[in-house]
Amino acid sequence: MGATSVDIKKTVNLPKTAFPMKANLAQMEPRTLARAGRPMYVLHDGPPYANGNIHLGHALNKILKDFIVKLKTMEGFDSPYIPGWDCHGLPIEAKAR
């Protein structure tokens, strides 16, 4: 069998719209690549509300962490927000009490 050229776009059923593409990828990619090599500042966040019902303190905690990540980004760091989810042992810990 010989290799045939397939236009991949024709194999996917995507909706047709009149909306323009607003991602501006051609302009954004150089800016994204320019951030590579910046010093890292990582705030690895813990589980959202692993120790009881959600309350206003949880929201305040998330907002403060978001401020820190955005501040470090504005200071020139490559500062991704990395949410943590380490609650796998929590149900058994609650039963063991």
N, C-alpha and C. Protein backbone atom coordinates (compact mmCIF):
# COMPACT_ATOMS: atom_id res chain seq x y z
N MET A 1 0.84 -1.18 0.00
CA MET A 1 0.00 0.00 0.00
C MET A 1 0.88 1.24 0.00
N GLY A 2 0.51 2.21 -0.77
CA GLY A 2 1.25 3.47 -0.82
C GLY A 2 0.70 4.43 0.21
N ALA A 3 1.55 5.33 0.67
CA ALA A 3 1.14 6.34 1.64
C ALA A 3 0.29 7.40 0.94
N THR A 4 -0.80 7.78 1.59
CA THR A 4 -1.66 8.82 1.02
C THR A 4 -1.66 10.02 1.94
N SER A 5 -1.83 11.17 1.36
CA SER A 5 -1.88 12.40 2.14
C SER A 5 -3.32 12.66 2.56
N VAL A 6 -3.52 12.85 3.86
CA VAL A 6 -4.86 13.09 4.40
C VAL A 6 -4.88 14.45 5.07
N ASP A 7 -5.86 15.27 4.71
CA ASP A 7 -6.03 16.55 5.39
C ASP A 7 -6.77 16.27 6.70
N ILE A 8 -6.05 16.34 7.81
CA ILE A 8 -6.60 15.97 9.12
C ILE A 8 -7.81 16.83 9.47
N LYS A 9 -7.82 18.10 9.08
CA LYS A 9 -8.95 18.98 9.40
C LYS A 9 -10.25 18.45 8.82
N LYS A 10 -10.18 17.75 7.71
CA LYS A 10 -11.39 17.21 7.10
C LYS A 10 -11.90 15.97 7.81
N THR A 11 -11.12 15.39 8.71
CA THR A 11 -11.54 14.17 9.41
C THR A 11 -12.24 14.47 10.73
N VAL A 12 -12.25 15.75 11.15
CA VAL A 12 -12.85 16.14 12.42
C VAL A 12 -14.11 16.96 12.13
N ASN A 13 -15.19 16.61 12.79
CA ASN A 13 -16.46 17.30 12.59
C ASN A 13 -16.54 18.46 13.57
N LEU A 14 -16.11 19.65 13.15
CA LEU A 14 -16.13 20.83 14.00
C LEU A 14 -17.24 21.77 13.55
N PRO A 15 -17.81 22.53 14.48
CA PRO A 15 -18.88 23.47 14.10
C PRO A 15 -18.31 24.61 13.25
N LYS A 16 -19.12 25.09 12.35
CA LYS A 16 -18.75 26.23 11.52
C LYS A 16 -19.36 27.48 12.15
N THR A 17 -18.55 28.49 12.43
CA THR A 17 -19.06 29.73 13.01
C THR A 17 -18.47 30.92 12.27
N ALA A 18 -19.09 32.06 12.45
CA ALA A 18 -18.59 33.30 11.87
C ALA A 18 -17.70 34.04 12.86
N PHE A 19 -17.50 33.47 14.04
CA PHE A 19 -16.68 34.13 15.05
C PHE A 19 -15.21 34.12 14.64
N PRO A 20 -14.53 35.25 14.78
CA PRO A 20 -13.11 35.26 14.46
C PRO A 20 -12.30 34.59 15.57
N MET A 21 -11.12 34.09 15.22
CA MET A 21 -10.23 33.51 16.23
C MET A 21 -9.62 34.66 17.03
N LYS A 22 -9.77 34.62 18.34
CA LYS A 22 -9.29 35.73 19.16
C LYS A 22 -8.07 35.37 19.99
N ALA A 23 -7.54 34.18 19.82
CA ALA A 23 -6.39 33.78 20.64
C ALA A 23 -5.11 34.50 20.21
N ASN A 24 -5.06 34.99 18.98
CA ASN A 24 -3.87 35.68 18.47
C ASN A 24 -2.60 34.88 18.71
N LEU A 25 -2.65 33.61 18.38
CA LEU A 25 -1.53 32.72 18.68
C LEU A 25 -0.23 33.18 18.02
N ALA A 26 -0.31 33.70 16.83
CA ALA A 26 0.91 34.14 16.15
C ALA A 26 1.60 35.27 16.91
N GLN A 27 0.82 36.11 17.59
CA GLN A 27 1.40 37.19 18.39
C GLN A 27 1.76 36.73 19.80
N MET A 28 1.00 35.78 20.34
CA MET A 28 1.21 35.35 21.72
C MET A 28 2.37 34.37 21.88
N GLU A 29 2.63 33.54 20.88
CA GLU A 29 3.68 32.53 21.03
C GLU A 29 5.05 33.14 21.31
N PRO A 30 5.48 34.19 20.61
CA PRO A 30 6.79 34.77 20.95
C PRO A 30 6.85 35.29 22.38
N ARG A 31 5.74 35.84 22.88
CA ARG A 31 5.72 36.31 24.27
C ARG A 31 5.80 35.14 25.24
N THR A 32 5.14 34.05 24.90
CA THR A 32 5.18 32.85 25.74
C THR A 32 6.59 32.27 25.77
N LEU A 33 7.22 32.20 24.62
CA LEU A 33 8.58 31.66 24.55
C LEU A 33 9.58 32.57 25.26
N ALA A 34 9.32 33.87 25.26
CA ALA A 34 10.22 34.81 25.94
C ALA A 34 10.24 34.59 27.44
N ARG A 35 9.15 34.02 27.97
CA ARG A 35 9.09 33.75 29.42
C ARG A 35 9.94 32.54 29.80
N ALA A 36 10.28 31.69 28.84
CA ALA A 36 11.09 30.50 29.14
C ALA A 36 12.44 30.94 29.67
N GLY A 37 12.89 30.27 30.67
CA GLY A 37 14.20 30.59 31.24
C GLY A 37 14.15 31.57 32.40
N ARG A 38 12.97 32.10 32.70
CA ARG A 38 12.85 32.98 33.86
C ARG A 38 13.03 32.16 35.13
N PRO A 39 13.44 32.81 36.22
CA PRO A 39 13.52 32.06 37.48
C PRO A 39 12.12 31.61 37.90
N MET A 40 12.06 30.43 38.48
CA MET A 40 10.77 29.84 38.88
C MET A 40 10.39 30.27 40.29
N TYR A 41 9.10 30.48 40.49
CA TYR A 41 8.52 30.64 41.81
C TYR A 41 7.26 29.78 41.79
N VAL A 42 7.27 28.68 42.52
CA VAL A 42 6.14 27.76 42.50
C VAL A 42 5.47 27.76 43.86
N LEU A 43 4.18 28.03 43.87
CA LEU A 43 3.37 27.89 45.07
C LEU A 43 2.52 26.66 44.84
N HIS A 44 2.95 25.55 45.42
CA HIS A 44 2.20 24.31 45.27
C HIS A 44 1.14 24.29 46.35
N ASP A 45 -0.08 24.53 45.94
CA ASP A 45 -1.20 24.66 46.87
C ASP A 45 -1.64 23.30 47.38
N GLY A 46 -2.10 23.27 48.59
CA GLY A 46 -2.60 22.03 49.18
C GLY A 46 -4.03 21.76 48.78
N PRO A 47 -4.63 20.72 49.36
CA PRO A 47 -6.02 20.40 49.02
C PRO A 47 -6.94 21.56 49.39
N PRO A 48 -8.03 21.74 48.67
CA PRO A 48 -8.87 22.91 48.88
C PRO A 48 -9.59 22.93 50.23
N TYR A 49 -10.28 21.89 50.59
CA TYR A 49 -10.98 21.87 51.87
C TYR A 49 -11.09 20.44 52.35
N ALA A 50 -9.96 19.93 52.78
CA ALA A 50 -9.88 18.53 53.17
C ALA A 50 -10.28 18.28 54.61
N ASN A 51 -10.45 19.34 55.38
CA ASN A 51 -10.66 19.14 56.82
C ASN A 51 -12.00 19.68 57.31
N GLY A 52 -13.04 19.45 56.56
CA GLY A 52 -14.36 19.88 57.03
C GLY A 52 -15.13 20.60 55.94
N ASN A 53 -16.25 21.17 56.36
CA ASN A 53 -17.09 21.89 55.41
C ASN A 53 -16.41 23.17 54.94
N ILE A 54 -16.70 23.56 53.70
CA ILE A 54 -16.12 24.77 53.15
C ILE A 54 -16.68 25.99 53.89
N HIS A 55 -15.83 26.98 54.12
CA HIS A 55 -16.25 28.20 54.80
C HIS A 55 -15.48 29.38 54.20
N LEU A 56 -15.74 30.56 54.68
CA LEU A 56 -15.15 31.78 54.12
C LEU A 56 -13.63 31.78 54.22
N GLY A 57 -13.09 31.14 55.21
CA GLY A 57 -11.63 31.06 55.34
C GLY A 57 -10.98 30.35 54.16
N HIS A 58 -11.67 29.36 53.61
CA HIS A 58 -11.13 28.67 52.43
C HIS A 58 -11.03 29.63 51.25
N ALA A 59 -12.06 30.44 51.05
CA ALA A 59 -12.04 31.43 49.95
C ALA A 59 -10.92 32.43 50.17
N LEU A 60 -10.77 32.93 51.39
CA LEU A 60 -9.71 33.89 51.69
C LEU A 60 -8.34 33.28 51.42
N ASN A 61 -8.15 32.04 51.81
CA ASN A 61 -6.89 31.34 51.59
C ASN A 61 -6.57 31.26 50.09
N LYS A 62 -7.55 30.87 49.28
CA LYS A 62 -7.35 30.77 47.84
C LYS A 62 -7.04 32.13 47.22
N ILE A 63 -7.75 33.16 47.66
CA ILE A 63 -7.54 34.51 47.12
C ILE A 63 -6.14 35.01 47.45
N LEU A 64 -5.69 34.81 48.68
CA LEU A 64 -4.35 35.24 49.07
C LEU A 64 -3.26 34.52 48.27
N LYS A 65 -3.45 33.22 48.05
CA LYS A 65 -2.48 32.46 47.25
C LYS A 65 -2.47 32.95 45.81
N ASP A 66 -3.64 33.29 45.28
CA ASP A 66 -3.73 33.81 43.92
C ASP A 66 -2.99 35.15 43.82
N PHE A 67 -3.14 36.01 44.83
CA PHE A 67 -2.42 37.29 44.84
C PHE A 67 -0.91 37.06 44.79
N ILE A 68 -0.43 36.11 45.58
CA ILE A 68 1.02 35.84 45.62
C ILE A 68 1.52 35.37 44.27
N VAL A 69 0.82 34.43 43.66
CA VAL A 69 1.24 33.91 42.35
C VAL A 69 1.25 35.03 41.30
N LYS A 70 0.22 35.87 41.30
CA LYS A 70 0.17 36.96 40.32
C LYS A 70 1.24 38.01 40.60
N LEU A 71 1.51 38.30 41.86
CA LEU A 71 2.58 39.25 42.22
C LEU A 71 3.93 38.74 41.73
N LYS A 72 4.21 37.48 41.97
CA LYS A 72 5.49 36.92 41.54
C LYS A 72 5.62 36.91 40.02
N THR A 73 4.50 36.69 39.32
CA THR A 73 4.52 36.76 37.86
C THR A 73 4.85 38.18 37.42
N MET A 74 4.23 39.17 38.05
CA MET A 74 4.51 40.57 37.70
C MET A 74 5.94 40.97 38.04
N GLU A 75 6.53 40.31 39.03
CA GLU A 75 7.92 40.58 39.39
C GLU A 75 8.91 39.91 38.45
N GLY A 76 8.40 39.16 37.46
CA GLY A 76 9.27 38.57 36.45
C GLY A 76 9.56 37.10 36.61
N PHE A 77 8.94 36.46 37.59
CA PHE A 77 9.14 35.03 37.78
C PHE A 77 8.23 34.24 36.85
N ASP A 78 8.64 33.04 36.50
CA ASP A 78 7.76 32.09 35.86
C ASP A 78 7.05 31.40 37.01
N SER A 79 5.82 31.80 37.28
CA SER A 79 5.13 31.39 38.49
C SER A 79 3.80 30.71 38.16
N PRO A 80 3.84 29.41 37.85
CA PRO A 80 2.59 28.72 37.57
C PRO A 80 1.84 28.42 38.86
N TYR A 81 0.54 28.37 38.77
CA TYR A 81 -0.26 27.95 39.92
C TYR A 81 -0.46 26.44 39.80
N ILE A 82 -0.04 25.70 40.81
CA ILE A 82 -0.13 24.25 40.78
C ILE A 82 -1.01 23.80 41.94
N PRO A 83 -2.27 23.43 41.64
CA PRO A 83 -3.13 22.96 42.72
C PRO A 83 -2.74 21.57 43.17
N GLY A 84 -2.85 21.31 44.44
CA GLY A 84 -2.52 20.00 44.98
C GLY A 84 -3.76 19.25 45.40
N TRP A 85 -3.74 17.94 45.24
CA TRP A 85 -4.87 17.11 45.62
C TRP A 85 -4.32 15.86 46.29
N ASP A 86 -4.06 15.94 47.59
CA ASP A 86 -3.50 14.80 48.30
C ASP A 86 -4.44 14.41 49.43
N CYS A 87 -5.65 14.03 49.09
CA CYS A 87 -6.66 13.69 50.10
C CYS A 87 -6.99 12.20 50.09
N HIS A 88 -6.18 11.39 49.44
CA HIS A 88 -6.53 10.00 49.27
C HIS A 88 -6.64 9.25 50.60
N GLY A 89 -5.83 9.63 51.59
CA GLY A 89 -5.87 8.93 52.86
C GLY A 89 -6.83 9.53 53.86
N LEU A 90 -7.46 10.65 53.51
CA LEU A 90 -8.31 11.35 54.46
C LEU A 90 -9.50 10.51 54.97
N PRO A 91 -10.24 9.81 54.15
CA PRO A 91 -11.38 9.04 54.68
C PRO A 91 -10.95 8.00 55.71
N ILE A 92 -9.86 7.31 55.46
CA ILE A 92 -9.40 6.29 56.44
C ILE A 92 -8.87 6.95 57.70
N GLU A 93 -8.24 8.13 57.56
CA GLU A 93 -7.77 8.85 58.75
C GLU A 93 -8.95 9.26 59.61
N ALA A 94 -10.03 9.70 58.99
CA ALA A 94 -11.21 10.10 59.75
C ALA A 94 -11.83 8.90 60.49
N LYS A 95 -11.81 7.73 59.86
CA LYS A 95 -12.37 6.53 60.50
C LYS A 95 -11.47 6.05 61.65
N ALA A 96 -10.16 6.29 61.54
CA ALA A 96 -9.21 5.80 62.53
C ALA A 96 -9.23 6.61 63.82
N ARG A 97 -9.81 7.77 63.82
CA ARG A 97 -9.83 8.61 65.02
C ARG A 97 -10.62 8.03 66.13
